[in-house]
Protein backbone atom coordinates (compact mmCIF):
# COMPACT_ATOMS: atom_id res chain seq x y z
CA MET A 1 93.95 84.14 72.36
CA ASN A 2 93.86 87.71 74.16
CA THR A 3 94.19 90.57 71.78
CA SER A 4 94.70 94.18 72.95
CA PRO A 5 96.76 97.13 71.95
CA HIS A 6 97.94 97.34 75.63
CA VAL A 7 99.69 93.99 75.56
CA ARG A 8 101.75 92.18 72.76
CA ARG A 9 103.37 88.71 72.82
CA PHE A 10 107.10 88.20 71.95
CA ALA A 11 106.04 86.35 68.81
CA GLU A 12 104.56 89.19 67.43
CA LEU A 13 107.38 91.66 67.93
CA ARG A 14 110.58 92.84 65.95
CA LEU A 15 113.25 95.43 66.71
CA THR A 16 111.10 98.03 64.59
CA ASP A 17 108.51 97.69 67.51
CA ARG A 18 110.91 99.60 69.74
CA PRO A 19 108.82 102.68 70.10
CA THR A 20 105.75 100.64 71.47
CA VAL A 21 107.52 97.93 73.55
CA GLY A 22 111.08 99.50 74.50
CA GLY A 23 114.45 98.17 74.04
CA LYS A 24 114.09 94.95 76.04
CA GLY A 25 110.74 93.98 74.54
CA ALA A 26 111.92 94.55 71.08
CA SER A 27 115.09 92.59 71.58
CA LEU A 28 113.18 89.52 73.06
CA GLY A 29 110.76 89.73 69.89
CA GLU A 30 113.66 89.74 67.67
CA LEU A 31 115.36 86.99 69.48
CA THR A 32 112.34 84.82 69.36
CA PHE A 33 111.96 85.55 65.58
CA ALA A 34 115.40 84.48 65.00
CA GLY A 35 114.57 81.12 66.70
CA ALA A 36 116.76 81.39 69.80
CA PRO A 37 115.43 79.57 72.82
CA VAL A 38 113.73 82.42 74.86
CA PRO A 39 111.33 81.80 77.65
CA PRO A 40 107.73 82.91 76.68
CA GLY A 41 106.36 86.21 77.72
CA TYR A 42 104.75 89.35 76.66
CA VAL A 43 105.04 93.27 76.81
CA VAL A 44 102.73 95.68 78.53
CA THR A 45 103.19 98.34 75.74
CA THR A 46 103.43 102.01 76.01
CA ALA A 47 99.95 102.34 74.90
CA ALA A 48 99.12 100.81 78.33
CA PHE A 49 101.37 103.41 80.08
CA GLU A 50 99.66 106.27 78.05
CA ALA A 51 96.37 105.12 78.94
CA PHE A 52 97.24 105.03 82.70
CA LEU A 53 99.03 108.49 82.66
CA GLY A 54 96.12 109.96 80.74
CA VAL A 55 93.74 109.06 83.66
CA LEU A 56 96.33 109.91 86.36
CA ASP A 57 97.44 113.17 84.81
CA PRO A 58 95.09 114.23 82.00
CA ASP A 59 96.52 117.76 81.67
CA GLY A 60 100.10 116.62 81.42
CA GLU A 61 101.26 118.50 84.46
CA ILE A 62 103.92 115.73 85.54
CA ARG A 63 105.78 115.85 82.27
CA THR A 64 105.79 119.59 82.19
CA ALA A 65 106.99 120.09 85.61
CA ILE A 66 109.81 117.60 85.03
CA GLU A 67 110.96 119.37 81.85
CA ALA A 68 111.23 122.57 83.73
CA LEU A 69 113.86 120.99 86.24
CA ASP A 70 117.41 121.92 86.17
CA CYS A 71 119.44 118.79 85.96
CA GLU A 72 121.92 120.09 88.58
CA ASP A 73 119.16 120.76 91.07
CA THR A 74 118.91 117.16 92.88
CA GLU A 75 116.89 118.75 95.74
CA ALA A 76 114.19 120.21 93.42
CA ILE A 77 114.11 116.95 91.26
CA THR A 78 113.56 114.90 94.48
CA ARG A 79 110.78 117.23 95.71
CA VAL A 80 108.98 116.99 92.23
CA VAL A 81 109.32 113.15 91.41
CA THR A 82 108.81 111.69 95.00
CA PRO A 83 105.00 112.34 95.09
CA VAL A 84 104.78 111.30 91.37
CA ARG A 85 106.17 107.95 92.05
CA GLU A 86 103.72 107.41 94.91
CA ARG A 87 100.78 108.45 92.94
CA ILE A 88 101.82 105.87 90.24
CA LYS A 89 102.28 103.03 92.72
CA ALA A 90 98.80 103.68 94.53
CA ALA A 91 96.69 104.43 91.27
CA GLU A 92 94.28 101.94 89.84
CA LEU A 93 95.02 100.85 86.27
CA PRO A 94 92.29 101.57 83.55
CA GLU A 95 89.94 98.50 83.38
CA GLU A 96 91.06 97.63 79.90
CA VAL A 97 94.55 97.70 80.62
CA ALA A 98 94.39 95.60 83.93
CA ALA A 99 92.33 93.09 82.04
CA ALA A 100 94.83 92.64 79.21
CA ILE A 101 97.68 92.34 81.61
CA ARG A 102 95.82 89.67 83.78
CA GLY A 103 94.51 87.84 80.67
CA HIS A 104 97.92 87.31 79.28
CA TYR A 105 99.42 86.29 82.49
CA ARG A 106 96.65 83.54 82.66
CA ASP A 107 97.90 82.11 79.44
CA LEU A 108 101.30 81.83 80.69
CA ASP A 109 100.02 80.49 84.08
CA SER A 110 98.29 77.75 82.18
CA GLU A 111 101.71 76.59 80.99
CA SER A 112 103.16 76.55 84.54
CA ASP A 113 105.68 73.73 85.50
CA THR A 114 103.73 73.22 88.73
CA PRO A 115 100.00 72.97 88.29
CA GLY A 116 98.12 74.77 90.86
CA GLU A 117 100.88 77.28 91.50
CA PRO A 118 100.95 80.78 89.77
CA ALA A 119 103.65 80.93 87.11
CA PRO A 120 106.69 82.93 88.26
CA VAL A 121 107.57 85.87 86.12
CA ALA A 122 110.23 88.40 85.76
CA VAL A 123 108.76 92.00 85.43
CA ARG A 124 111.27 94.26 83.66
CA SER A 125 111.11 97.76 82.80
CA SER A 126 111.55 98.58 79.09
CA ALA A 127 112.17 102.20 78.29
CA THR A 128 111.52 103.48 74.86
CA SER A 129 114.85 105.27 74.72
CA GLU A 130 116.71 102.36 76.33
CA ASP A 131 120.06 101.24 74.51
CA ALA A 132 119.65 103.81 72.06
CA GLU A 133 122.80 104.95 70.22
CA ASP A 134 122.90 108.38 72.08
CA ALA A 135 121.49 107.29 75.40
CA SER A 136 121.27 104.16 77.53
CA PHE A 137 118.70 103.75 80.34
CA ALA A 138 120.18 100.36 81.44
CA GLY A 139 120.17 100.22 85.11
CA LEU A 140 118.04 103.18 85.68
CA GLN A 141 114.75 101.53 85.85
CA ASP A 142 113.41 98.67 88.03
CA THR A 143 113.22 94.84 87.49
CA TYR A 144 111.23 92.28 89.70
CA LEU A 145 112.17 88.71 89.74
CA TRP A 146 110.06 85.71 90.65
CA VAL A 147 106.69 87.60 90.70
CA ARG A 148 103.74 85.41 91.20
CA GLY A 149 99.94 85.96 90.98
CA GLU A 150 97.96 88.50 88.96
CA ASP A 151 97.61 91.05 91.80
CA SER A 152 101.32 90.95 92.41
CA LEU A 153 102.02 91.34 88.75
CA VAL A 154 99.86 94.56 88.42
CA GLU A 155 101.52 96.07 91.37
CA ASN A 156 105.01 95.35 89.82
CA VAL A 157 103.95 96.81 86.60
CA ARG A 158 102.97 100.10 88.35
CA ARG A 159 106.37 100.03 90.37
CA CYS A 160 108.20 99.74 86.99
CA TRP A 161 106.24 102.70 85.56
CA ALA A 162 106.99 104.73 88.67
CA SER A 163 110.85 103.85 88.33
CA LEU A 164 110.77 106.04 85.24
CA TYR A 165 110.53 108.83 87.64
CA SER A 166 113.32 108.04 90.02
CA VAL A 167 115.73 110.80 90.78
CA GLU A 168 118.41 109.01 88.93
CA SER A 169 116.27 108.48 85.89
CA VAL A 170 114.93 112.17 85.76
CA SER A 171 118.36 113.62 86.36
CA TYR A 172 119.84 111.67 83.54
CA ARG A 173 117.04 112.79 81.10
CA ARG A 174 117.41 116.34 82.11
CA ARG A 175 121.12 116.36 81.58
CA LEU A 176 120.58 115.01 77.88
CA GLY A 177 117.74 117.40 77.49
CA LEU A 178 115.22 114.56 76.49
CA PRO A 179 111.85 115.61 75.78
CA GLU A 180 109.35 114.17 78.48
CA HIS A 181 106.55 114.27 76.13
CA ASP A 182 108.07 111.58 73.81
CA LEU A 183 109.06 109.35 76.74
CA ALA A 184 107.03 106.33 77.64
CA MET A 185 107.73 103.04 79.37
CA ALA A 186 106.73 99.53 78.46
CA VAL A 187 107.03 96.48 80.74
CA VAL A 188 108.31 93.08 80.02
CA VAL A 189 106.49 90.12 81.52
CA GLN A 190 108.50 86.86 81.09
CA ARG A 191 108.17 83.23 82.43
CA MET A 192 111.11 82.59 84.86
CA ILE A 193 113.19 79.52 84.91
CA ASP A 194 114.97 78.26 88.00
CA PRO A 195 118.52 78.45 86.84
CA ARG A 196 121.28 76.20 88.06
CA CYS A 197 123.53 78.91 86.60
CA ALA A 198 123.41 82.03 84.67
CA GLY A 199 125.68 84.78 83.04
CA VAL A 200 126.59 86.77 80.23
CA MET A 201 128.07 86.13 76.80
CA PHE A 202 130.05 88.55 74.49
CA THR A 203 130.47 87.58 70.89
CA ARG A 204 133.81 89.45 70.73
CA SER A 205 136.50 89.97 73.57
CA PRO A 206 135.36 92.75 75.79
CA LEU A 207 138.93 93.20 76.69
CA THR A 208 140.55 93.27 73.36
CA GLY A 209 137.73 93.68 70.83
CA ASP A 210 138.79 90.40 69.29
CA ARG A 211 135.98 89.27 66.99
CA SER A 212 137.23 85.86 66.60
CA VAL A 213 136.50 84.67 70.16
CA VAL A 214 133.47 84.44 72.34
CA ALA A 215 133.78 85.43 75.95
CA LEU A 216 131.49 83.86 78.76
CA GLU A 217 130.96 84.64 82.41
CA ALA A 218 129.12 82.39 84.50
CA SER A 219 127.98 81.93 88.24
CA TRP A 220 125.59 79.71 90.23
CA GLY A 221 121.88 80.83 90.58
CA LEU A 222 120.51 83.82 89.06
CA GLY A 223 122.51 85.98 86.81
CA SER A 224 121.46 89.12 89.13
CA ALA A 225 124.38 88.18 91.43
CA LEU A 226 126.78 88.64 88.49
CA VAL A 227 125.37 91.73 87.37
CA SER A 228 125.19 93.30 90.82
CA GLY A 229 128.99 92.38 91.37
CA ASP A 230 128.19 90.05 94.37
CA VAL A 231 130.25 87.30 92.90
CA THR A 232 133.33 86.83 90.84
CA PRO A 233 132.24 84.65 87.88
CA ASP A 234 133.89 81.77 86.17
CA LYS A 235 135.37 82.93 82.74
CA TYR A 236 135.92 81.36 79.51
CA VAL A 237 137.17 82.55 76.04
CA VAL A 238 136.20 80.23 72.93
CA SER A 239 137.69 80.48 69.61
CA LYS A 240 135.05 80.94 66.86
CA VAL A 241 137.57 79.67 64.32
CA THR A 242 138.49 76.15 66.00
CA GLY A 243 135.83 75.86 68.75
CA ASP A 244 138.73 75.43 71.25
CA ILE A 245 138.31 76.73 74.67
CA CYS A 246 141.38 79.10 74.70
CA SER A 247 141.17 80.03 78.26
CA ARG A 248 139.22 79.19 81.44
CA THR A 249 139.36 80.58 84.93
CA VAL A 250 137.20 79.00 87.63
CA SER A 251 136.72 81.47 90.45
CA ALA A 252 135.78 80.92 93.98
CA LYS A 253 131.96 81.82 93.76
CA LEU A 254 130.89 82.67 97.23
CA ARG A 255 127.55 84.11 96.66
CA GLN A 256 124.42 83.41 94.74
CA HIS A 257 120.94 84.66 94.15
CA ARG A 258 118.09 82.05 93.96
CA MET A 259 114.30 81.74 93.98
CA ASP A 260 112.92 82.24 97.61
CA PRO A 261 111.56 78.85 98.79
CA SER A 262 108.45 80.54 99.95
CA GLY A 263 107.50 81.09 96.14
CA SER A 264 107.98 84.77 95.80
CA GLY A 265 110.97 87.00 95.38
CA VAL A 266 114.85 86.37 95.45
CA LEU A 267 117.21 85.28 98.25
CA GLU A 268 120.87 86.17 98.37
CA GLU A 269 122.87 83.57 100.19
CA ASP A 270 126.33 81.75 100.46
CA VAL A 271 127.27 79.16 97.89
CA PRO A 272 127.41 75.79 99.32
CA GLU A 273 131.16 75.24 100.22
CA TYR A 274 131.34 71.99 97.88
CA LEU A 275 130.25 74.23 94.88
CA ARG A 276 132.27 77.30 95.38
CA ASP A 277 135.28 76.07 93.30
CA GLU A 278 133.59 74.00 90.99
CA PRO A 279 132.93 75.15 87.35
CA CYS A 280 129.52 76.19 86.47
CA LEU A 281 129.67 74.93 82.88
CA SER A 282 130.54 71.89 81.25
CA ASP A 283 132.41 71.89 78.02
CA GLU A 284 129.20 70.69 76.13
CA GLU A 285 127.33 73.72 77.63
CA ILE A 286 130.05 76.07 76.77
CA HIS A 287 129.99 74.98 73.07
CA GLU A 288 126.26 75.03 72.86
CA LEU A 289 126.11 78.73 74.30
CA VAL A 290 128.85 79.63 71.80
CA ARG A 291 126.66 78.08 68.82
CA LEU A 292 123.72 80.08 70.09
CA GLY A 293 125.89 83.25 70.52
CA ARG A 294 127.16 83.03 66.84
CA GLN A 295 123.49 82.29 65.67
CA VAL A 296 122.38 85.43 67.27
CA GLU A 297 125.39 87.56 66.09
CA SER A 298 124.79 86.47 62.56
CA HIS A 299 121.15 87.37 62.80
CA TYR A 300 121.82 90.80 64.12
CA GLY A 301 124.94 91.37 61.88
CA ALA A 302 126.92 92.71 64.72
CA PRO A 303 128.79 91.70 67.89
CA GLN A 304 126.22 90.96 70.76
CA ASP A 305 126.23 91.21 74.63
CA ILE A 306 123.84 88.32 75.65
CA GLU A 307 122.33 87.19 78.96
CA TRP A 308 121.71 83.44 79.34
CA ALA A 309 120.59 81.03 81.89
CA ILE A 310 120.52 77.21 82.31
CA SER A 311 117.56 75.46 83.95
CA ARG A 312 118.09 73.15 86.86
CA ASN A 313 114.93 71.28 86.20
CA LEU A 314 115.13 70.58 82.39
CA VAL A 315 117.10 67.90 80.77
CA PRO A 316 120.51 68.74 78.86
CA GLY A 317 119.89 69.84 75.28
CA HIS A 318 116.61 71.68 76.37
CA ASN A 319 117.78 73.56 79.33
CA ILE A 320 119.55 76.78 77.88
CA TYR A 321 117.75 79.87 77.40
CA LEU A 322 118.56 83.35 76.14
CA LEU A 323 117.32 86.13 78.26
CA GLN A 324 118.46 89.37 76.37
CA SER A 325 120.64 90.40 73.74
CA ARG A 326 121.90 93.86 73.02
CA PRO A 327 124.51 95.33 70.51
CA GLU A 328 128.11 95.49 72.05
CA THR A 329 128.85 99.19 72.31
CA VAL A 330 132.29 99.75 73.84
CA TRP A 331 134.50 98.58 70.84
CA ALA A 332 131.70 99.33 68.32
CA SER A 333 132.12 102.94 69.22
CA ARG A 334 135.79 102.92 68.83
CA GLU A 335 135.40 101.65 65.40
CA LYS A 336 133.28 104.56 64.15
CA ALA A 337 134.53 106.59 61.30
CA PRO A 338 136.90 109.49 62.48
CA THR A 339 135.15 112.94 62.87
CA ALA A 340 138.04 114.59 60.90
CA ALA A 341 137.88 114.19 57.08
CA PRO A 342 140.93 112.70 55.55
CA LYS A 343 143.43 115.03 54.23
CA ALA A 344 145.88 114.51 51.26
CA ARG A 345 149.01 115.15 53.50
CA ALA A 346 149.74 114.42 57.15
CA PHE A 347 151.07 117.97 57.52
CA ASP A 348 147.58 119.30 56.59
CA HIS A 349 146.29 117.78 59.79
CA VAL A 350 148.93 119.63 61.89
CA LEU A 351 147.89 122.92 60.07
CA SER A 352 144.16 122.16 60.57
CA LEU A 353 144.75 121.61 64.49
CA LEU A 354 146.85 124.99 64.48
CA GLY A 355 143.92 126.79 62.93
CA GLY A 356 145.35 126.84 59.39
CA ALA A 357 143.60 126.16 56.17
CA GLY A 358 145.99 123.98 54.64
CA SER A 359 148.13 124.53 51.50
CA GLY A 360 147.87 123.81 47.98
CA PRO A 361 145.55 124.88 45.10
CA GLY A 362 143.15 127.22 46.72
CA GLY A 363 144.60 126.87 50.15
CA SER A 364 146.84 129.12 52.20
CA THR A 365 149.10 129.05 55.39
CA LYS A 366 148.98 131.47 58.03
């Protein structure tokens, strides 16, 4: 077994490892620990990023220059970060970092479903501040699907690191005033499955906040079609209390993303006409997804937003995988305690808004 501070397997990780593996990496480790069906993989840690950046920029000039930028000056941000990204994408990795990444990939490769062909993996950015309560980097860094071979993997790890310095990402960090010297990027490397369909699952209603239901969205092929808005998904709502499917909407699904038959990358294409109006999920699959969603919610102790996929190649009962889980934030934020302290009388709130100090013992009105 390969051991290195630059790479850690999902099975070794928990949520507390977020500072070294980022939000996605820590979540996948926690899901694995919870017993959820997660495709195997590992995380290229922030230690690998720091080792790489230490060779590329030993004096820390990149971070210093970015911290000096004005968040409103897009032209200056572009001028500074464009050459930074190009330097990162072109630079050689430190030997020990490259060896760790390649060695763990060979371990995944040895489990390939197609002997003789490199294992396909997803390469996903996992920022250390990702999905934090006060900031979310979701969508600001890069993801690459269906990557095959060691050289392509290393190239795409560098591209993920480079995406930390996109104009959008840097502008966002400057608006929040986040310190660059505390920021690092981990990268998730995860075995890909070839999904018949994929989607998202919310363990409370995203529309009403109802915690007694699970809401599912599903489309043919890779879930990237749904996330990018290229397709109108099927939608299901299931009662946690009775298990009944309360509502189902089967949409005309016109587009799908799928594996490139050449063996690398993703194609966007029309859904075959005979499948467009067919439901993506059977009732049995819906109920199994709901069971898994409730298991994950119970483990975390809070409603979750879960990405899932169903393999086209594996037999029913062994073909459903969870790809990511994060806390639901929209309704959770609405349920936070009010910022104003409760007062004895409703009238006191009115006085407070008008600038008064309230009335009663020790109080006065103005």
